[in-house]
Amino acid sequence: ESGGGLVQAGSSLRLSCVVSGRTFVTDVMAWFR
């Protein structure tokens, strides 16, 4: 993961998750916090 940081309320962020290794089209990718 990348893209986090310290930001002010009201702003926006786009987080990224780069995947390596075997994947399949039906695999589920998710975000948790």
PDB file of all heavy atoms in Angstrom:
ATOM      1  N   GLU A   1       0.827  -1.195   0.000  1.00  0.00           N
ATOM      2  CA  GLU A   1       0.000   0.000   0.000  1.00  0.00           C
ATOM      3  C   GLU A   1       0.866   1.250   0.000  1.00  0.00           C
ATOM      4  O   GLU A   1       1.990   1.247   0.511  1.00  0.00           O
ATOM      5  CB  GLU A   1      -0.924   0.043   1.231  1.00  0.00           C
ATOM      6  CG  GLU A   1      -1.829  -1.158   1.389  1.00  0.00           C
ATOM      7  CD  GLU A   1      -1.292  -2.157   2.386  1.00  0.00           C
ATOM      8  OE1 GLU A   1      -0.053  -2.277   2.524  1.00  0.00           O
ATOM      9  OE2 GLU A   1      -2.114  -2.826   3.044  1.00  0.00           O
ATOM     10  N   SER A   2       0.300   2.325  -0.532  1.00  0.00           N
ATOM     11  CA  SER A   2       0.942   3.623  -0.477  1.00  0.00           C
ATOM     12  C   SER A   2      -0.132   4.692  -0.626  1.00  0.00           C
ATOM     13  O   SER A   2      -1.283   4.397  -0.929  1.00  0.00           O
ATOM     14  CB  SER A   2       2.000   3.778  -1.570  1.00  0.00           C
ATOM     15  OG  SER A   2       1.420   3.714  -2.858  1.00  0.00           O
ATOM     16  N   GLY A   3       0.254   5.936  -0.404  1.00  0.00           N
ATOM     17  CA  GLY A   3      -0.643   7.051  -0.625  1.00  0.00           C
ATOM     18  C   GLY A   3      -1.166   7.721   0.617  1.00  0.00           C
ATOM     19  O   GLY A   3      -1.825   8.769   0.521  1.00  0.00           O
ATOM     20  N   GLY A   4      -0.908   7.148   1.777  1.00  0.00           N
ATOM     21  CA  GLY A   4      -1.359   7.768   3.004  1.00  0.00           C
ATOM     22  C   GLY A   4      -0.518   8.975   3.361  1.00  0.00           C
ATOM     23  O   GLY A   4       0.472   9.299   2.706  1.00  0.00           O
ATOM     24  N   GLY A   5      -0.931   9.644   4.410  1.00  0.00           N
ATOM     25  CA  GLY A   5      -0.204  10.813   4.858  1.00  0.00           C
ATOM     26  C   GLY A   5      -1.009  11.621   5.838  1.00  0.00           C
ATOM     27  O   GLY A   5      -2.084  11.212   6.281  1.00  0.00           O
ATOM     28  N   LEU A   6      -0.472  12.772   6.190  1.00  0.00           N
ATOM     29  CA  LEU A   6      -1.126  13.714   7.087  1.00  0.00           C
ATOM     30  C   LEU A   6      -1.804  14.780   6.245  1.00  0.00           C
ATOM     31  O   LEU A   6      -1.139  15.495   5.485  1.00  0.00           O
ATOM     32  CB  LEU A   6      -0.106  14.340   8.032  1.00  0.00           C
ATOM     33  CG  LEU A   6      -0.601  15.454   8.950  1.00  0.00           C
ATOM     34  CD1 LEU A   6      -1.678  14.934   9.890  1.00  0.00           C
ATOM     35  CD2 LEU A   6       0.564  16.046   9.726  1.00  0.00           C
ATOM     36  N   VAL A   7      -3.116  14.885   6.375  1.00  0.00           N
ATOM     37  CA  VAL A   7      -3.890  15.817   5.568  1.00  0.00           C
ATOM     38  C   VAL A   7      -4.889  16.554   6.446  1.00  0.00           C
ATOM     39  O   VAL A   7      -5.215  16.122   7.556  1.00  0.00           O
ATOM     40  CB  VAL A   7      -4.630  15.109   4.425  1.00  0.00           C
ATOM     41  CG1 VAL A   7      -3.639  14.446   3.471  1.00  0.00           C
ATOM     42  CG2 VAL A   7      -5.600  14.073   4.973  1.00  0.00           C
ATOM     43  N   GLN A   8      -5.378  17.652   5.928  1.00  0.00           N
ATOM     44  CA  GLN A   8      -6.388  18.427   6.625  1.00  0.00           C
ATOM     45  C   GLN A   8      -7.782  17.899   6.331  1.00  0.00           C
ATOM     46  O   GLN A   8      -8.048  17.358   5.252  1.00  0.00           O
ATOM     47  CB  GLN A   8      -6.306  19.898   6.226  1.00  0.00           C
ATOM     48  CG  GLN A   8      -5.043  20.605   6.676  1.00  0.00           C
ATOM     49  CD  GLN A   8      -5.053  22.075   6.322  1.00  0.00           C
ATOM     50  OE1 GLN A   8      -5.807  22.513   5.456  1.00  0.00           O
ATOM     51  NE2 GLN A   8      -4.224  22.844   6.985  1.00  0.00           N
ATOM     52  N   ALA A   9      -8.655  18.057   7.287  1.00  0.00           N
ATOM     53  CA  ALA A   9     -10.039  17.681   7.083  1.00  0.00           C
ATOM     54  C   ALA A   9     -10.605  18.385   5.853  1.00  0.00           C
ATOM     55  O   ALA A   9     -10.325  19.563   5.610  1.00  0.00           O
ATOM     56  CB  ALA A   9     -10.868  18.016   8.316  1.00  0.00           C
ATOM     57  N   GLY A  10     -11.386  17.645   5.084  1.00  0.00           N
ATOM     58  CA  GLY A  10     -11.977  18.174   3.875  1.00  0.00           C
ATOM     59  C   GLY A  10     -11.186  17.882   2.616  1.00  0.00           C
ATOM     60  O   GLY A  10     -11.712  18.050   1.512  1.00  0.00           O
ATOM     61  N   SER A  11      -9.959  17.450   2.750  1.00  0.00           N
ATOM     62  CA  SER A  11      -9.137  17.133   1.592  1.00  0.00           C
ATOM     63  C   SER A  11      -9.401  15.703   1.131  1.00  0.00           C
ATOM     64  O   SER A  11     -10.232  14.992   1.700  1.00  0.00           O
ATOM     65  CB  SER A  11      -7.658  17.339   1.910  1.00  0.00           C
ATOM     66  OG  SER A  11      -7.241  16.472   2.947  1.00  0.00           O
ATOM     67  N   SER A  12      -8.673  15.289   0.094  1.00  0.00           N
ATOM     68  CA  SER A  12      -8.857  13.969  -0.495  1.00  0.00           C
ATOM     69  C   SER A  12      -7.531  13.243  -0.609  1.00  0.00           C
ATOM     70  O   SER A  12      -6.465  13.862  -0.692  1.00  0.00           O
ATOM     71  CB  SER A  12      -9.492  14.085  -1.885  1.00  0.00           C
ATOM     72  OG  SER A  12     -10.767  14.688  -1.831  1.00  0.00           O
ATOM     73  N   LEU A  13      -7.610  11.930  -0.622  1.00  0.00           N
ATOM     74  CA  LEU A  13      -6.458  11.070  -0.836  1.00  0.00           C
ATOM     75  C   LEU A  13      -6.844   9.932  -1.763  1.00  0.00           C
ATOM     76  O   LEU A  13      -7.996   9.495  -1.773  1.00  0.00           O
ATOM     77  CB  LEU A  13      -5.946  10.469   0.472  1.00  0.00           C
ATOM     78  CG  LEU A  13      -5.111  11.334   1.406  1.00  0.00           C
ATOM     79  CD1 LEU A  13      -4.866  10.572   2.702  1.00  0.00           C
ATOM     80  CD2 LEU A  13      -3.797  11.719   0.754  1.00  0.00           C
ATOM     81  N   ARG A  14      -5.879   9.456  -2.507  1.00  0.00           N
ATOM     82  CA  ARG A  14      -6.041   8.224  -3.254  1.00  0.00           C
ATOM     83  C   ARG A  14      -4.969   7.243  -2.813  1.00  0.00           C
ATOM     84  O   ARG A  14      -3.774   7.471  -3.021  1.00  0.00           O
ATOM     85  CB  ARG A  14      -5.954   8.436  -4.766  1.00  0.00           C
ATOM     86  CG  ARG A  14      -6.352   7.170  -5.550  1.00  0.00           C
ATOM     87  CD  ARG A  14      -6.320   7.349  -7.048  1.00  0.00           C
ATOM     88  NE  ARG A  14      -4.965   7.422  -7.557  1.00  0.00           N
ATOM     89  CZ  ARG A  14      -4.633   7.269  -8.846  1.00  0.00           C
ATOM     90  NH1 ARG A  14      -5.598   7.057  -9.744  1.00  0.00           N
ATOM     91  NH2 ARG A  14      -3.371   7.364  -9.227  1.00  0.00           N
ATOM     92  N   LEU A  15      -5.400   6.178  -2.191  1.00  0.00           N
ATOM     93  CA  LEU A  15      -4.502   5.130  -1.751  1.00  0.00           C
ATOM     94  C   LEU A  15      -4.320   4.113  -2.866  1.00  0.00           C
ATOM     95  O   LEU A  15      -5.240   3.854  -3.638  1.00  0.00           O
ATOM     96  CB  LEU A  15      -5.049   4.433  -0.508  1.00  0.00           C
ATOM     97  CG  LEU A  15      -5.489   5.341   0.644  1.00  0.00           C
ATOM     98  CD1 LEU A  15      -5.959   4.495   1.814  1.00  0.00           C
ATOM     99  CD2 LEU A  15      -4.363   6.281   1.052  1.00  0.00           C
ATOM    100  N   SER A  16      -3.139   3.526  -2.928  1.00  0.00           N
ATOM    101  CA  SER A  16      -2.829   2.537  -3.947  1.00  0.00           C
ATOM    102  C   SER A  16      -2.395   1.237  -3.301  1.00  0.00           C
ATOM    103  O   SER A  16      -1.749   1.235  -2.256  1.00  0.00           O
ATOM    104  CB  SER A  16      -1.709   3.030  -4.870  1.00  0.00           C
ATOM    105  OG  SER A  16      -2.088   4.193  -5.564  1.00  0.00           O
ATOM    106  N   CYS A  17      -2.740   0.144  -3.943  1.00  0.00           N
ATOM    107  CA  CYS A  17      -2.304  -1.184  -3.532  1.00  0.00           C
ATOM    108  C   CYS A  17      -1.768  -1.887  -4.767  1.00  0.00           C
ATOM    109  O   CYS A  17      -2.542  -2.217  -5.674  1.00  0.00           O
ATOM    110  CB  CYS A  17      -3.459  -1.968  -2.915  1.00  0.00           C
ATOM    111  SG  CYS A  17      -3.082  -3.696  -2.544  1.00  0.00           S
ATOM    112  N   VAL A  18      -0.470  -2.106  -4.805  1.00  0.00           N
ATOM    113  CA  VAL A  18       0.166  -2.786  -5.918  1.00  0.00           C
ATOM    114  C   VAL A  18       0.286  -4.264  -5.580  1.00  0.00           C
ATOM    115  O   VAL A  18       0.801  -4.625  -4.516  1.00  0.00           O
ATOM    116  CB  VAL A  18       1.544  -2.186  -6.231  1.00  0.00           C
ATOM    117  CG1 VAL A  18       2.208  -2.955  -7.371  1.00  0.00           C
ATOM    118  CG2 VAL A  18       1.414  -0.720  -6.595  1.00  0.00           C
ATOM    119  N   VAL A  19      -0.168  -5.092  -6.490  1.00  0.00           N
ATOM    120  CA  VAL A  19      -0.250  -6.530  -6.268  1.00  0.00           C
ATOM    121  C   VAL A  19       0.779  -7.244  -7.124  1.00  0.00           C
ATOM    122  O   VAL A  19       0.893  -6.989  -8.325  1.00  0.00           O
ATOM    123  CB  VAL A  19      -1.658  -7.052  -6.602  1.00  0.00           C
ATOM    124  CG1 VAL A  19      -1.753  -8.558  -6.329  1.00  0.00           C
ATOM    125  CG2 VAL A  19      -2.708  -6.297  -5.803  1.00  0.00           C
ATOM    126  N   SER A  20       1.516  -8.142  -6.525  1.00  0.00           N
ATOM    127  CA  SER A  20       2.430  -9.006  -7.259  1.00  0.00           C
ATOM    128  C   SER A  20       2.113 -10.455  -6.934  1.00  0.00           C
ATOM    129  O   SER A  20       1.546 -10.762  -5.887  1.00  0.00           O
ATOM    130  CB  SER A  20       3.884  -8.684  -6.926  1.00  0.00           C
ATOM    131  OG  SER A  20       4.155  -8.902  -5.547  1.00  0.00           O
ATOM    132  N   GLY A  21       2.504 -11.342  -7.838  1.00  0.00           N
ATOM    133  CA  GLY A  21       2.204 -12.749  -7.658  1.00  0.00           C
ATOM    134  C   GLY A  21       0.987 -13.169  -8.464  1.00  0.00           C
ATOM    135  O   GLY A  21       0.413 -12.383  -9.216  1.00  0.00           O
ATOM    136  N   ARG A  22       0.596 -14.392  -8.281  1.00  0.00           N
ATOM    137  CA  ARG A  22      -0.518 -14.941  -9.043  1.00  0.00           C
ATOM    138  C   ARG A  22      -1.840 -14.363  -8.590  1.00  0.00           C
ATOM    139  O   ARG A  22      -2.131 -14.303  -7.396  1.00  0.00           O
ATOM    140  CB  ARG A  22      -0.550 -16.461  -8.897  1.00  0.00           C
ATOM    141  CG  ARG A  22       0.593 -17.182  -9.588  1.00  0.00           C
ATOM    142  CD  ARG A  22       0.430 -18.682  -9.463  1.00  0.00           C
ATOM    143  NE  ARG A  22       1.458 -19.410 -10.191  1.00  0.00           N
ATOM    144  CZ  ARG A  22       1.533 -20.729 -10.269  1.00  0.00           C
ATOM    145  NH1 ARG A  22       0.621 -21.478  -9.650  1.00  0.00           N
ATOM    146  NH2 ARG A  22       2.506 -21.300 -10.952  1.00  0.00           N
ATOM    147  N   THR A  23      -2.625 -13.958  -9.565  1.00  0.00           N
ATOM    148  CA  THR A  23      -3.973 -13.493  -9.306  1.00  0.00           C
ATOM    149  C   THR A  23      -4.921 -14.120 -10.317  1.00  0.00           C
ATOM    150  O   THR A  23      -4.505 -14.550 -11.396  1.00  0.00           O
ATOM    151  CB  THR A  23      -4.088 -11.968  -9.389  1.00  0.00           C
ATOM    152  OG1 THR A  23      -3.710 -11.532 -10.700  1.00  0.00           O
ATOM    153  CG2 THR A  23      -3.187 -11.306  -8.358  1.00  0.00           C
ATOM    154  N   PHE A  24      -6.173 -14.146  -9.963  1.00  0.00           N
ATOM    155  CA  PHE A  24      -7.206 -14.679 -10.831  1.00  0.00           C
ATOM    156  C   PHE A  24      -8.326 -13.658 -10.927  1.00  0.00           C
ATOM    157  O   PHE A  24      -8.527 -12.854 -10.017  1.00  0.00           O
ATOM    158  CB  PHE A  24      -7.730 -16.012 -10.299  1.00  0.00           C
ATOM    159  CG  PHE A  24      -6.669 -17.063 -10.199  1.00  0.00           C
ATOM    160  CD1 PHE A  24      -5.934 -17.218  -9.042  1.00  0.00           C
ATOM    161  CD2 PHE A  24      -6.398 -17.894 -11.268  1.00  0.00           C
ATOM    162  CE1 PHE A  24      -4.948 -18.182  -8.947  1.00  0.00           C
ATOM    163  CE2 PHE A  24      -5.413 -18.870 -11.194  1.00  0.00           C
ATOM    164  CZ  PHE A  24      -4.687 -19.006 -10.027  1.00  0.00           C
ATOM    165  N   VAL A  25      -9.060 -13.716 -12.025  1.00  0.00           N
ATOM    166  CA  VAL A  25     -10.040 -12.673 -12.296  1.00  0.00           C
ATOM    167  C   VAL A  25     -11.138 -12.631 -11.251  1.00  0.00           C
ATOM    168  O   VAL A  25     -11.767 -11.588 -11.065  1.00  0.00           O
ATOM    169  CB  VAL A  25     -10.649 -12.829 -13.702  1.00  0.00           C
ATOM    170  CG1 VAL A  25      -9.578 -12.646 -14.759  1.00  0.00           C
ATOM    171  CG2 VAL A  25     -11.331 -14.187 -13.862  1.00  0.00           C
ATOM    172  N   THR A  26     -11.366 -13.728 -10.573  1.00  0.00           N
ATOM    173  CA  THR A  26     -12.408 -13.755  -9.553  1.00  0.00           C
ATOM    174  C   THR A  26     -11.896 -13.412  -8.159  1.00  0.00           C
ATOM    175  O   THR A  26     -12.689 -13.352  -7.215  1.00  0.00           O
ATOM    176  CB  THR A  26     -13.091 -15.120  -9.507  1.00  0.00           C
ATOM    177  OG1 THR A  26     -12.106 -16.145  -9.334  1.00  0.00           O
ATOM    178  CG2 THR A  26     -13.858 -15.381 -10.803  1.00  0.00           C
ATOM    179  N   ASP A  27     -10.603 -13.205  -8.028  1.00  0.00           N
ATOM    180  CA  ASP A  27     -10.067 -12.820  -6.729  1.00  0.00           C
ATOM    181  C   ASP A  27     -10.697 -11.521  -6.261  1.00  0.00           C
ATOM    182  O   ASP A  27     -10.989 -10.623  -7.052  1.00  0.00           O
ATOM    183  CB  ASP A  27      -8.557 -12.645  -6.794  1.00  0.00           C
ATOM    184  CG  ASP A  27      -7.817 -13.956  -6.912  1.00  0.00           C
ATOM    185  OD1 ASP A  27      -8.438 -15.025  -6.820  1.00  0.00           O
ATOM    186  OD2 ASP A  27      -6.579 -13.903  -7.112  1.00  0.00           O
ATOM    187  N   VAL A  28     -10.879 -11.423  -4.963  1.00  0.00           N
ATOM    188  CA  VAL A  28     -11.405 -10.213  -4.349  1.00  0.00           C
ATOM    189  C   VAL A  28     -10.261  -9.406  -3.753  1.00  0.00           C
ATOM    190  O   VAL A  28      -9.431  -9.941  -3.019  1.00  0.00           O
ATOM    191  CB  VAL A  28     -12.446 -10.547  -3.267  1.00  0.00           C
ATOM    192  CG1 VAL A  28     -12.809  -9.306  -2.456  1.00  0.00           C
ATOM    193  CG2 VAL A  28     -13.696 -11.137  -3.907  1.00  0.00           C
ATOM    194  N   MET A  29     -10.243  -8.132  -4.069  1.00  0.00           N
ATOM    195  CA  MET A  29      -9.334  -7.185  -3.454  1.00  0.00           C
ATOM    196  C   MET A  29     -10.156  -6.248  -2.587  1.00  0.00           C
ATOM    197  O   MET A  29     -11.208  -5.773  -3.011  1.00  0.00           O
ATOM    198  CB  MET A  29      -8.574  -6.391  -4.508  1.00  0.00           C
ATOM    199  CG  MET A  29      -7.767  -7.241  -5.469  1.00  0.00           C
ATOM    200  SD  MET A  29      -6.438  -8.151  -4.636  1.00  0.00           S
ATOM    201  CE  MET A  29      -5.522  -6.799  -3.898  1.00  0.00           C
ATOM    202  N   ALA A  30      -9.672  -5.979  -1.405  1.00  0.00           N
ATOM    203  CA  ALA A  30     -10.452  -5.190  -0.467  1.00  0.00           C
ATOM    204  C   ALA A  30      -9.575  -4.200   0.279  1.00  0.00           C
ATOM    205  O   ALA A  30      -8.359  -4.373   0.397  1.00  0.00           O
ATOM    206  CB  ALA A  30     -11.170  -6.099   0.531  1.00  0.00           C
ATOM    207  N   TRP A  31     -10.225  -3.181   0.779  1.00  0.00           N
ATOM    208  CA  TRP A  31      -9.616  -2.223   1.696  1.00  0.00           C
ATOM    209  C   TRP A  31     -10.298  -2.331   3.050  1.00  0.00           C
ATOM    210  O   TRP A  31     -11.528  -2.376   3.145  1.00  0.00           O
ATOM    211  CB  TRP A  31      -9.746  -0.789   1.185  1.00  0.00           C
ATOM    212  CG  TRP A  31      -8.863  -0.472   0.021  1.00  0.00           C
ATOM    213  CD1 TRP A  31      -9.188  -0.488  -1.293  1.00  0.00           C
ATOM    214  CD2 TRP A  31      -7.490  -0.067   0.098  1.00  0.00           C
ATOM    215  NE1 TRP A  31      -8.108  -0.128  -2.063  1.00  0.00           N
ATOM    216  CE2 TRP A  31      -7.051   0.136  -1.231  1.00  0.00           C
ATOM    217  CE3 TRP A  31      -6.593   0.145   1.146  1.00  0.00           C
ATOM    218  CZ2 TRP A  31      -5.743   0.546  -1.537  1.00  0.00           C
ATOM    219  CZ3 TRP A  31      -5.301   0.537   0.842  1.00  0.00           C
ATOM    220  CH2 TRP A  31      -4.897   0.736  -0.477  1.00  0.00           C
ATOM    221  N   PHE A  32      -9.480  -2.379   4.073  1.00  0.00           N
ATOM    222  CA  PHE A  32      -9.921  -2.303   5.455  1.00  0.00           C
ATOM    223  C   PHE A  32      -9.193  -1.150   6.125  1.00  0.00           C
ATOM    224  O   PHE A  32      -8.175  -0.672   5.628  1.00  0.00           O
ATOM    225  CB  PHE A  32      -9.614  -3.595   6.216  1.00  0.00           C
ATOM    226  CG  PHE A  32     -10.420  -4.788   5.788  1.00  0.00           C
ATOM    227  CD1 PHE A  32     -10.118  -5.481   4.632  1.00  0.00           C
ATOM    228  CD2 PHE A  32     -11.487  -5.228   6.566  1.00  0.00           C
ATOM    229  CE1 PHE A  32     -10.848  -6.583   4.239  1.00  0.00           C
ATOM    230  CE2 PHE A  32     -12.226  -6.341   6.189  1.00  0.00           C
ATOM    231  CZ  PHE A  32     -11.909  -7.014   5.023  1.00  0.00           C
ATOM    232  N   ARG A  33      -9.700  -0.741   7.259  1.00  0.00           N
ATOM    233  CA  ARG A  33      -8.984   0.248   8.049  1.00  0.00           C
ATOM    234  C   ARG A  33      -9.082  -0.115   9.519  1.00  0.00           C
ATOM    235  O   ARG A  33     -10.006  -0.791   9.950  1.00  0.00           O
ATOM    236  CB  ARG A  33      -9.519   1.663   7.812  1.00  0.00           C
ATOM    237  CG  ARG A  33     -10.913   1.918   8.359  1.00  0.00           C
ATOM    238  CD  ARG A  33     -11.368   3.326   8.006  1.00  0.00           C
ATOM    239  NE  ARG A  33     -12.626   3.671   8.640  1.00  0.00           N
ATOM    240  CZ  ARG A  33     -13.260   4.816   8.457  1.00  0.00           C
ATOM    241  NH1 ARG A  33     -12.742   5.748   7.639  1.00  0.00           N
ATOM    242  NH2 ARG A  33     -14.407   5.053   9.080  1.00  0.00           N
TER     243      ARG A  33
END
